[in-house]
N, C-alpha and C. Protein backbone atom coordinates (compact mmCIF):
# COMPACT_ATOMS: atom_id res chain seq x y z
N SER A 1 0.76 -1.09 0.12
CA SER A 1 0.02 -0.05 0.03
C SER A 1 1.11 1.54 -0.14
N VAL A 2 0.69 2.03 -0.36
CA VAL A 2 0.94 3.79 -0.61
C VAL A 2 0.60 4.18 0.61
N VAL A 3 1.50 5.08 1.32
CA VAL A 3 1.19 5.96 1.77
C VAL A 3 1.74 7.77 1.69
N VAL A 4 0.05 8.27 1.71
CA VAL A 4 0.66 9.88 1.12
C VAL A 4 0.35 11.07 1.95
N THR A 5 1.64 11.37 2.09
CA THR A 5 1.52 12.46 3.25
C THR A 5 1.27 13.78 2.83
N VAL A 6 0.30 14.46 3.33
CA VAL A 6 0.25 15.77 2.58
C VAL A 6 0.45 16.71 4.13
N ASN A 7 1.33 17.37 3.67
CA ASN A 7 1.84 18.92 4.50
C ASN A 7 0.19 20.06 4.28
N PRO A 8 0.22 20.22 5.39
CA PRO A 8 -0.39 21.98 5.54
C PRO A 8 -0.68 22.97 4.80
N ALA A 9 -0.79 23.53 3.95
CA ALA A 9 -0.10 24.10 3.55
C ALA A 9 0.18 25.52 4.91
N THR A 10 1.31 26.10 3.96
CA THR A 10 1.59 26.94 5.61
C THR A 10 1.68 28.75 5.07
N GLU A 11 0.45 28.92 6.38
CA GLU A 11 -0.04 30.58 6.17
C GLU A 11 1.35 31.17 6.05
N PRO A 12 1.17 32.06 5.76
CA PRO A 12 2.41 33.54 5.66
C PRO A 12 1.87 34.27 6.97
N PRO A 13 2.61 34.89 7.05
CA PRO A 13 2.82 35.41 8.70
C PRO A 13 1.57 36.89 8.33
N PRO A 14 0.70 36.89 9.62
CA PRO A 14 -0.21 38.05 9.12
C PRO A 14 0.41 39.57 8.86
N ALA A 15 -0.15 40.33 8.03
CA ALA A 15 0.53 41.36 7.47
C ALA A 15 0.58 42.71 8.81
N ASN A 16 1.60 43.11 8.80
CA ASN A 16 1.96 44.32 10.21
C ASN A 16 0.68 45.47 9.75
N ARG A 17 0.43 45.59 11.35
CA ARG A 17 -0.31 46.45 11.34
C ARG A 17 -0.17 47.54 12.03
N ALA A 18 -0.35 48.97 11.51
CA ALA A 18 0.43 50.00 12.38
C ALA A 18 -0.22 50.68 13.26
N PRO A 19 1.17 50.82 14.29
CA PRO A 19 0.82 51.69 15.44
C PRO A 19 0.01 53.11 15.48
N THR A 20 -1.17 53.45 16.49
CA THR A 20 -1.54 55.11 16.94
C THR A 20 -0.78 55.46 17.47
N ALA A 21 0.12 56.34 16.89
CA ALA A 21 0.24 57.56 17.66
C ALA A 21 -0.58 58.64 18.76
N ALA A 22 -0.32 58.56 19.88
CA ALA A 22 -2.13 59.48 20.53
C ALA A 22 -0.93 60.03 21.77
N PHE A 23 -1.02 61.06 22.05
CA PHE A 23 -0.23 61.78 23.50
C PHE A 23 -1.32 62.92 23.83
N HIS A 24 -1.06 63.25 25.74
CA HIS A 24 -1.90 64.49 25.96
C HIS A 24 -0.46 65.48 26.35
N PHE A 25 -0.71 66.32 26.81
CA PHE A 25 0.39 67.03 27.84
C PHE A 25 -0.09 67.85 28.60
N ALA A 26 0.11 68.04 29.76
CA ALA A 26 -0.37 68.50 30.99
C ALA A 26 0.68 69.94 31.47
N PRO A 27 1.02 70.95 32.16
CA PRO A 27 -1.07 71.75 31.96
C PRO A 27 -1.21 71.97 31.09
N THR A 28 -2.60 71.77 30.04
CA THR A 28 -3.30 72.02 28.87
C THR A 28 -2.71 73.60 28.23
N SER A 29 -2.92 74.47 29.80
CA SER A 29 -2.74 76.05 29.34
C SER A 29 -1.54 76.52 29.87
N PRO A 30 -0.30 76.34 29.55
CA PRO A 30 0.88 76.22 30.30
C PRO A 30 1.61 77.52 30.14
N LEU A 31 2.53 78.03 30.95
CA LEU A 31 3.07 79.54 31.44
C LEU A 31 4.23 79.33 30.81
N THR A 32 4.51 80.06 30.22
CA THR A 32 6.39 80.32 29.88
C THR A 32 7.07 79.71 31.35
N THR A 33 6.75 79.46 31.65
CA THR A 33 7.46 79.04 33.32
C THR A 33 7.15 77.76 33.56
N ASP A 34 6.35 77.21 33.21
CA ASP A 34 5.53 76.12 33.42
C ASP A 34 7.01 75.04 32.32
N ALA A 35 7.26 73.46 33.52
CA ALA A 35 7.55 72.44 32.79
C ALA A 35 6.13 71.50 31.90
N VAL A 36 6.45 71.58 30.65
CA VAL A 36 4.96 71.01 30.13
C VAL A 36 5.77 68.96 30.05
N MET A 37 4.56 68.63 30.87
CA MET A 37 4.85 66.56 30.53
C MET A 37 4.19 66.56 29.45
N PHE A 38 4.41 65.79 28.37
CA PHE A 38 3.81 64.77 27.59
C PHE A 38 4.11 63.63 27.70
N ASP A 39 2.93 63.18 27.23
CA ASP A 39 2.33 61.43 28.21
C ASP A 39 2.10 60.91 26.63
N ALA A 40 3.00 59.60 25.96
CA ALA A 40 2.64 58.98 24.79
C ALA A 40 1.85 57.72 24.82
N GLY A 41 2.03 57.43 26.71
CA GLY A 41 1.27 56.28 26.68
C GLY A 41 -0.30 55.40 26.45
N SER A 42 -0.78 56.50 25.54
CA SER A 42 -2.25 56.24 25.32
C SER A 42 -1.80 55.66 23.62
N SER A 43 -0.51 55.15 22.78
CA SER A 43 0.01 54.79 21.95
C SER A 43 -0.76 53.60 21.97
N THR A 44 -0.77 53.04 20.41
CA THR A 44 -1.35 51.65 21.17
C THR A 44 -0.73 50.92 19.81
N ASP A 45 -0.90 49.62 19.39
CA ASP A 45 -0.20 49.01 18.35
C ASP A 45 -0.93 47.49 18.21
N PRO A 46 -1.91 47.66 17.41
CA PRO A 46 -2.59 46.39 17.27
C PRO A 46 -2.24 44.79 17.24
N ASP A 47 -0.86 44.68 16.87
CA ASP A 47 -0.15 43.40 16.72
C ASP A 47 0.84 43.50 18.26
N GLY A 48 0.19 44.04 19.22
CA GLY A 48 1.23 44.47 20.44
C GLY A 48 2.71 44.64 20.54
N ASP A 49 3.28 45.35 19.27
CA ASP A 49 4.68 45.23 19.08
C ASP A 49 5.26 46.76 20.07
N THR A 50 6.14 45.89 20.98
CA THR A 50 6.98 46.93 21.24
C THR A 50 7.24 48.90 20.68
N LEU A 51 6.74 50.05 20.86
CA LEU A 51 7.08 50.40 20.31
C LEU A 51 8.19 51.72 20.43
N THR A 52 8.23 52.49 19.52
CA THR A 52 9.34 53.75 20.55
C THR A 52 8.42 54.95 20.16
N TYR A 53 9.00 55.55 20.56
CA TYR A 53 9.04 57.22 20.82
C TYR A 53 9.46 58.30 20.48
N ALA A 54 9.89 59.69 19.63
CA ALA A 54 10.05 60.59 19.31
C ALA A 54 9.16 61.59 19.01
N TRP A 55 9.83 62.15 20.02
CA TRP A 55 9.35 63.90 19.82
C TRP A 55 10.14 64.69 19.17
N THR A 56 9.30 65.80 18.54
CA THR A 56 9.49 66.31 17.94
C THR A 56 9.14 68.10 18.30
N PHE A 57 9.44 69.09 18.83
CA PHE A 57 9.13 70.43 19.06
C PHE A 57 9.80 71.34 18.24
N GLU A 58 8.83 72.38 17.83
CA GLU A 58 8.96 73.52 17.08
C GLU A 58 9.89 73.61 17.67
N THR A 59 10.52 74.49 18.20
CA THR A 59 11.64 75.71 18.77
C THR A 59 12.70 74.28 19.78
N LEU A 60 12.10 73.75 20.85
CA LEU A 60 12.66 73.10 21.20
C LEU A 60 13.95 71.50 20.64
N ASP A 61 14.59 71.49 21.77
CA ASP A 61 15.71 69.94 21.25
C ASP A 61 14.32 68.62 20.95
N PRO A 62 14.89 67.54 20.21
CA PRO A 62 13.58 66.44 20.44
C PRO A 62 14.29 66.07 21.40
N ALA A 63 13.06 65.10 22.04
CA ALA A 63 13.16 63.61 22.79
C ALA A 63 13.16 62.67 22.39
N THR A 64 13.41 61.86 22.99
CA THR A 64 12.69 60.22 23.09
C THR A 64 12.21 59.43 23.98
N GLY A 65 11.48 58.65 24.10
CA GLY A 65 10.85 58.64 25.40
C GLY A 65 9.41 58.35 25.14
N ILE A 66 9.01 57.38 25.98
CA ILE A 66 7.45 57.32 26.69
C ILE A 66 6.68 58.41 26.91
N VAL A 67 7.73 59.36 27.30
CA VAL A 67 7.34 60.74 28.20
C VAL A 67 8.39 62.02 28.17
N ALA A 68 8.22 62.86 27.71
CA ALA A 68 8.79 63.96 27.39
C ALA A 68 9.01 65.20 28.41
N THR A 69 9.17 65.96 28.89
CA THR A 69 9.14 67.21 29.78
C THR A 69 10.02 68.29 28.95
N ARG A 70 9.41 69.65 28.47
CA ARG A 70 9.97 70.58 28.05
C ARG A 70 9.23 71.85 28.81
N THR A 71 10.17 72.98 28.83
CA THR A 71 9.89 74.31 29.36
C THR A 71 9.63 75.35 27.91
N PHE A 72 8.67 76.13 27.85
CA PHE A 72 8.77 76.94 26.60
C PHE A 72 8.88 77.99 27.45
N PRO A 73 10.26 78.71 26.50
CA PRO A 73 10.48 80.02 27.34
C PRO A 73 9.46 81.03 26.68
N VAL A 74 8.95 80.95 25.38
CA VAL A 74 8.67 82.15 25.20
C VAL A 74 7.02 81.85 24.78
N ALA A 75 6.44 82.86 24.93
CA ALA A 75 4.72 82.64 24.71
C ALA A 75 4.40 82.64 23.02
N GLY A 76 3.67 81.81 22.93
CA GLY A 76 3.54 81.79 21.21
C GLY A 76 2.19 79.94 21.23
N THR A 77 2.31 79.64 20.04
CA THR A 77 1.92 78.62 19.88
C THR A 77 2.76 77.48 19.41
N PHE A 78 2.70 76.29 18.94
CA PHE A 78 4.21 75.69 18.96
C PHE A 78 3.40 74.36 18.56
N SER A 79 3.86 73.62 17.40
CA SER A 79 3.46 72.33 17.09
C SER A 79 4.43 71.19 18.36
N VAL A 80 3.40 70.35 18.12
CA VAL A 80 4.86 69.60 19.07
C VAL A 80 4.14 67.82 18.22
N THR A 81 4.69 66.90 17.43
CA THR A 81 4.82 65.77 16.82
C THR A 81 5.19 64.44 17.33
N LEU A 82 4.16 63.66 18.16
CA LEU A 82 4.79 62.56 17.91
C LEU A 82 5.02 61.31 16.94
N ALA A 83 5.90 60.50 17.08
CA ALA A 83 5.97 59.54 15.97
C ALA A 83 6.14 58.47 16.86
N VAL A 84 5.58 57.38 16.43
CA VAL A 84 5.69 56.21 16.96
C VAL A 84 6.04 55.11 16.12
N ASP A 85 6.54 54.06 16.37
CA ASP A 85 7.26 53.08 15.61
C ASP A 85 7.56 51.70 16.34
N ASP A 86 7.13 50.89 15.51
CA ASP A 86 7.47 49.77 15.79
C ASP A 86 7.97 48.53 15.56
N GLY A 87 8.58 49.11 14.77
CA GLY A 87 9.67 48.01 14.72
C GLY A 87 9.91 47.30 13.64
N ARG A 88 8.74 47.49 12.16
CA ARG A 88 8.60 46.89 11.67
C ARG A 88 8.03 47.33 10.60
N GLY A 89 8.35 48.59 10.56
CA GLY A 89 8.10 49.57 9.56
C GLY A 89 6.77 50.20 9.36
N GLY A 90 6.38 49.47 10.48
CA GLY A 90 4.90 50.49 11.07
C GLY A 90 5.19 51.78 11.63
N VAL A 91 4.92 52.95 11.05
CA VAL A 91 4.77 54.13 11.77
C VAL A 91 3.64 54.81 11.54
N ASP A 92 3.30 55.79 12.96
CA ASP A 92 2.01 56.66 12.62
C ASP A 92 2.89 58.08 13.84
N THR A 93 2.18 59.16 13.11
CA THR A 93 2.59 60.49 13.69
C THR A 93 1.18 61.13 14.17
N GLU A 94 1.11 62.20 15.43
CA GLU A 94 0.35 62.43 15.88
C GLU A 94 1.38 64.27 16.72
N THR A 95 0.28 65.36 15.67
CA THR A 95 0.44 66.59 15.84
C THR A 95 0.11 67.38 16.72
N LYS A 96 -0.09 68.42 17.61
CA LYS A 96 -0.69 68.73 18.35
C LYS A 96 -0.06 70.22 18.93
N ALA A 97 -0.54 71.45 18.42
CA ALA A 97 -0.72 72.62 19.06
C ALA A 97 -0.17 73.22 20.42
N VAL A 98 0.39 73.57 21.21
CA VAL A 98 0.37 74.45 22.62
C VAL A 98 0.55 75.15 22.41
N THR A 99 -0.69 76.30 23.00
CA THR A 99 -1.03 77.14 23.65
C THR A 99 -0.04 77.84 24.45
N VAL A 100 1.39 78.86 24.75
CA VAL A 100 2.10 78.83 25.59
C VAL A 100 2.00 80.92 25.92
N THR A 101 0.75 80.61 27.06
CA THR A 101 1.16 82.03 27.86
C THR A 101 2.41 82.64 28.57
N ALA A 102 2.51 84.03 28.79
CA ALA A 102 3.41 84.44 29.46
C ALA A 102 2.67 84.81 30.77
N PRO A 103 3.23 84.54 31.57
CA PRO A 103 2.07 85.08 32.97
C PRO A 103 2.13 86.28 33.45
N ALA A 104 0.79 87.11 34.43
CA ALA A 104 0.86 88.65 34.34
C ALA A 104 1.92 89.04 35.42
N ASN A 105 2.08 89.94 34.63
CA ASN A 105 2.45 91.23 34.83
C ASN A 105 2.45 91.51 35.92
N GLN A 106 4.15 91.37 37.54
CA GLN A 106 4.08 91.69 38.31
C GLN A 106 4.44 93.10 38.70
N PRO A 107 4.61 94.11 39.27
CA PRO A 107 5.36 95.62 39.32
C PRO A 107 6.24 95.32 39.90
N PRO A 108 6.95 95.95 39.98
CA PRO A 108 8.45 96.02 41.09
C PRO A 108 8.69 96.80 42.18
N THR A 109 9.42 96.53 42.90
CA THR A 109 9.23 96.90 44.58
C THR A 109 10.13 98.02 43.93
N ALA A 110 10.04 99.37 44.98
CA ALA A 110 11.03 100.44 44.54
C ALA A 110 11.22 100.74 46.02
N THR A 111 12.48 101.37 46.17
CA THR A 111 13.09 101.24 47.59
C THR A 111 14.31 101.94 46.97
N PHE A 112 14.92 102.81 48.52
CA PHE A 112 16.41 103.72 47.86
C PHE A 112 16.98 104.01 49.33
N THR A 113 18.46 103.49 49.01
CA THR A 113 19.37 104.31 49.98
C THR A 113 19.75 105.73 49.86
N ILE A 114 20.26 106.49 51.21
CA ILE A 114 20.30 106.83 51.26
C ILE A 114 22.03 107.16 51.85
N THR A 115 23.24 107.90 51.11
CA THR A 115 24.35 107.86 51.84
C THR A 115 24.83 109.02 52.01
N PRO A 116 25.60 110.00 53.26
CA PRO A 116 25.12 109.58 54.06
C PRO A 116 23.42 109.45 54.38
N ALA A 117 23.67 108.91 55.65
CA ALA A 117 21.90 108.71 56.11
C ALA A 117 21.75 110.02 56.67
N SER A 118 22.74 110.92 57.05
CA SER A 118 22.07 112.84 57.33
C SER A 118 22.93 113.75 56.85
N PRO A 119 22.12 113.85 55.30
CA PRO A 119 23.18 114.87 54.30
C PRO A 119 23.21 115.87 55.27
N VAL A 120 24.12 116.87 54.94
CA VAL A 120 25.03 118.01 55.20
C VAL A 120 24.38 119.14 54.19
N ALA A 121 23.78 120.13 53.93
CA ALA A 121 23.70 121.54 53.10
C ALA A 121 25.33 121.44 52.41
N GLY A 122 24.75 121.12 50.96
CA GLY A 122 26.59 121.50 50.20
C GLY A 122 27.60 120.24 49.95
N GLU A 123 27.39 119.40 50.45
CA GLU A 123 27.66 118.15 50.58
C GLU A 123 26.97 117.01 49.78
N PRO A 124 27.43 116.54 49.19
CA PRO A 124 26.90 115.54 47.74
C PRO A 124 26.64 114.25 48.49
N ALA A 125 25.40 113.59 48.33
CA ALA A 125 24.10 113.08 49.05
C ALA A 125 24.54 111.41 47.83
N SER A 126 24.37 110.26 48.19
CA SER A 126 24.34 109.04 47.04
C SER A 126 22.91 108.60 47.50
N PHE A 127 22.10 108.56 46.34
CA PHE A 127 20.95 107.40 46.14
C PHE A 127 20.95 106.79 45.44
N ASP A 128 20.53 105.53 46.32
CA ASP A 128 21.22 103.87 45.42
C ASP A 128 19.74 102.97 45.12
N ALA A 129 18.77 102.75 43.92
CA ALA A 129 17.78 102.52 43.90
C ALA A 129 17.98 101.01 43.81
N LEU A 130 19.44 100.19 43.99
CA LEU A 130 19.22 98.99 43.63
C LEU A 130 18.90 97.93 44.50
N GLY A 131 18.60 98.87 45.42
CA GLY A 131 17.69 97.09 46.61
C GLY A 131 16.18 97.14 45.75
N SER A 132 15.80 97.45 44.60
CA SER A 132 14.63 97.59 44.07
C SER A 132 14.81 96.51 43.08
N VAL A 133 12.97 95.55 43.22
CA VAL A 133 13.48 94.32 41.82
C VAL A 133 11.93 93.77 41.61
N ASP A 134 12.07 93.15 41.11
CA ASP A 134 11.10 92.57 39.64
C ASP A 134 10.91 91.61 40.10
N PRO A 135 9.53 91.35 40.39
CA PRO A 135 9.75 89.72 40.46
C PRO A 135 9.55 88.88 39.16
N ASP A 136 9.00 89.48 38.07
CA ASP A 136 9.37 88.55 36.62
C ASP A 136 10.86 88.74 36.53
N GLY A 137 11.58 89.41 36.96
CA GLY A 137 13.00 89.48 36.65
C GLY A 137 13.19 90.38 35.59
N ASP A 138 12.45 91.03 35.15
CA ASP A 138 12.24 91.82 34.08
C ASP A 138 13.51 93.11 34.21
N ALA A 139 14.35 93.99 33.48
CA ALA A 139 14.91 94.60 33.63
C ALA A 139 13.94 96.08 33.75
N LEU A 140 14.73 96.49 34.67
CA LEU A 140 14.34 98.17 35.59
C LEU A 140 15.40 98.90 34.98
N THR A 141 14.16 100.24 35.06
CA THR A 141 14.84 101.39 34.52
C THR A 141 14.27 102.49 35.78
N PHE A 142 15.18 103.91 36.24
CA PHE A 142 14.82 104.15 37.67
C PHE A 142 15.21 106.17 37.21
N SER A 143 13.60 106.60 37.74
CA SER A 143 13.20 107.98 37.22
C SER A 143 13.26 108.71 38.86
N TRP A 144 13.99 109.82 38.84
CA TRP A 144 14.39 110.48 40.43
C TRP A 144 13.28 111.88 40.21
N THR A 145 12.62 112.27 41.20
CA THR A 145 12.67 113.72 41.38
C THR A 145 12.89 114.26 42.36
N PHE A 146 13.74 115.28 42.75
CA PHE A 146 13.81 116.31 43.09
C PHE A 146 13.24 117.81 43.63
N GLU A 147 12.22 117.37 44.61
CA GLU A 147 11.71 119.36 44.77
C GLU A 147 11.01 118.73 43.37
N ASN A 148 11.03 119.99 42.94
CA ASN A 148 9.70 119.95 41.43
C ASN A 148 11.05 120.30 40.38
N GLU A 149 11.97 119.61 40.70
CA GLU A 149 12.97 120.12 39.12
C GLU A 149 12.76 118.29 38.51
N ALA A 150 13.83 118.63 36.93
CA ALA A 150 13.31 117.69 36.22
C ALA A 150 13.51 116.43 36.55
N PRO A 151 13.20 115.39 36.08
CA PRO A 151 13.55 114.01 36.19
C PRO A 151 15.08 113.76 36.52
N VAL A 152 15.89 112.60 37.27
CA VAL A 152 17.04 112.52 36.34
C VAL A 152 16.86 111.16 36.59
N SER A 153 17.69 110.50 35.55
CA SER A 153 17.32 108.82 35.72
C SER A 153 18.67 107.64 35.80
N GLY A 154 18.52 106.93 36.38
CA GLY A 154 20.21 106.18 36.77
C GLY A 154 19.58 105.69 38.67
N ALA A 155 20.00 104.01 38.20
CA ALA A 155 19.62 103.65 39.43
C ALA A 155 20.59 104.39 40.78
N GLN A 156 21.27 104.75 40.49
CA GLN A 156 22.64 105.52 41.38
C GLN A 156 22.83 106.97 40.91
N VAL A 157 22.31 108.18 41.76
CA VAL A 157 22.39 109.49 41.73
C VAL A 157 22.53 110.46 42.81
N SER A 158 23.64 111.14 42.35
CA SER A 158 23.83 112.21 43.39
C SER A 158 23.51 113.31 43.54
N ARG A 159 23.10 113.82 44.23
CA ARG A 159 22.47 115.10 44.48
C ARG A 159 23.46 116.28 45.91
N VAL A 160 23.31 117.40 45.24
CA VAL A 160 23.36 118.28 46.33
C VAL A 160 22.45 119.50 47.52
N PHE A 161 21.79 119.47 47.99
CA PHE A 161 21.56 120.05 48.37
C PHE A 161 22.21 121.47 48.86
N ALA A 162 21.43 122.86 48.61
CA ALA A 162 22.46 124.01 48.41
C ALA A 162 21.76 124.23 50.40
N GLN A 163 20.59 123.72 50.17
CA GLN A 163 19.98 124.75 52.13
C GLN A 163 19.85 123.60 52.71
N PRO A 164 19.84 123.60 54.08
CA PRO A 164 19.10 122.54 55.44
C PRO A 164 17.52 123.10 55.17
N GLY A 165 17.31 122.01 55.27
CA GLY A 165 15.68 121.74 54.95
C GLY A 165 15.10 120.42 55.11
N THR A 166 14.38 119.93 54.63
CA THR A 166 13.31 119.28 54.37
C THR A 166 12.53 118.83 53.37
N TYR A 167 13.18 117.84 52.70
CA TYR A 167 12.99 117.82 50.71
C TYR A 167 12.71 116.07 50.38
N PRO A 168 11.67 116.46 49.72
CA PRO A 168 10.59 115.33 49.26
C PRO A 168 11.58 114.89 48.18
N VAL A 169 11.82 113.59 47.94
CA VAL A 169 12.89 112.79 46.93
C VAL A 169 11.30 111.21 46.63
N ARG A 170 11.50 111.75 44.88
CA ARG A 170 10.38 110.62 44.78
C ARG A 170 11.30 109.57 43.77
N LEU A 171 11.56 108.39 43.80
CA LEU A 171 12.00 107.08 43.02
C LEU A 171 10.49 106.32 41.92
N THR A 172 10.82 106.76 41.18
CA THR A 172 9.87 105.46 40.32
C THR A 172 10.80 105.05 39.53
N VAL A 173 10.11 103.54 39.90
CA VAL A 173 10.81 102.20 38.82
C VAL A 173 10.03 101.66 38.09
N THR A 174 10.48 101.72 37.22
CA THR A 174 9.78 100.69 35.52
C THR A 174 10.01 99.65 35.11
N ASP A 175 9.76 98.97 35.22
CA ASP A 175 9.95 97.24 34.34
C ASP A 175 9.56 97.79 32.94
N ALA A 176 10.12 96.54 32.84
CA ALA A 176 10.50 96.57 30.59
C ALA A 176 9.46 96.27 29.97
N ARG A 177 7.55 95.98 30.66
CA ARG A 177 7.11 95.92 30.78
C ARG A 177 6.13 97.01 30.18
N GLY A 178 6.41 98.28 31.24
CA GLY A 178 5.66 99.32 31.61
C GLY A 178 5.06 99.30 32.89
N ALA A 179 4.93 98.43 34.14
CA ALA A 179 4.91 98.21 35.42
C ALA A 179 5.24 99.39 36.28
N SER A 180 4.52 100.70 36.63
CA SER A 180 5.74 101.21 37.57
C SER A 180 5.67 100.93 38.69
N THR A 181 6.16 101.28 40.00
CA THR A 181 5.90 101.37 40.92
C THR A 181 6.74 102.39 42.12
N GLU A 182 5.98 103.58 42.80
CA GLU A 182 6.57 104.84 43.23
C GLU A 182 7.04 104.52 44.98
N PHE A 183 8.47 105.37 45.09
CA PHE A 183 8.53 105.44 45.94
C PHE A 183 9.02 106.40 46.27
N ALA A 184 8.57 106.89 47.65
CA ALA A 184 8.95 108.41 48.14
C ALA A 184 9.12 108.61 49.17
N GLN A 185 10.41 109.55 49.74
CA GLN A 185 10.56 109.67 50.88
C GLN A 185 10.89 111.60 51.77
N HIS A 186 10.90 111.81 52.44
CA HIS A 186 11.47 113.49 52.55
C HIS A 186 12.61 112.83 53.94
N VAL A 187 13.76 114.03 52.75
CA VAL A 187 15.59 114.08 53.38
C VAL A 187 15.24 115.11 54.56
N ILE A 188 16.23 114.91 54.85
CA ILE A 188 16.48 115.66 56.23
C ILE A 188 17.61 116.17 55.96
N VAL A 189 17.87 117.91 55.65
CA VAL A 189 19.55 117.94 55.41
C VAL A 189 19.50 119.04 56.48
N GLY A 190 20.65 118.33 57.05
CA GLY A 190 21.32 119.62 58.03
C GLY A 190 22.22 120.78 58.01
N ALA A 191 22.49 121.41 58.51
CA ALA A 191 23.66 122.46 58.01
C ALA A 191 24.68 121.62 58.66
N GLN A 192 25.55 122.60 57.57
CA GLN A 192 27.22 122.53 57.99
C GLN A 192 28.05 122.74 59.56
N PRO A 193 28.29 121.87 59.80
CA PRO A 193 28.70 121.93 60.78
C PRO A 193 29.28 123.52 61.10
N ASN A 194 29.87 124.59 62.53
CA ASN A 194 30.23 125.41 62.10
C ASN A 194 32.09 125.34 62.63
């Protein structure tokens, strides 16, 4: 008798199916001071393949990994693209826009010191506003008004009072975004010792 062995047809492996890229980010309305976390954990692959993740940020350095964190130093709307790769030729991307805003401007604080602390008529007195600060780190400008004279600018100024008396001094500190604060003080100027 003859035995015939029939081998079952070998089926080709199923075709690779592409992954689906998906990500979210938090906070969703970031400020320029926020670290924004981008999370691709919701990306999927129908074949169960292990995925690799590549991030492209419009104005920042790229990143890899399932999670990336970036801080956007300037306000604006920026595109962020996630590319997922299943290692078998399947690639998918998702792009989202991230709108970044600057924090509300806070006005500077204004203060000054006088040297000597008790000025004398006819002798120079130094006024120093370098203790003034801006909570946002903005550059500051300084404007001084002595009595009814024209304003003088600078963080440090000098003034000679001709006569003894009490003189109003007003300092205006303005930040780079236009917010200003005033600090006023009366300076008591003594007479020259005999």
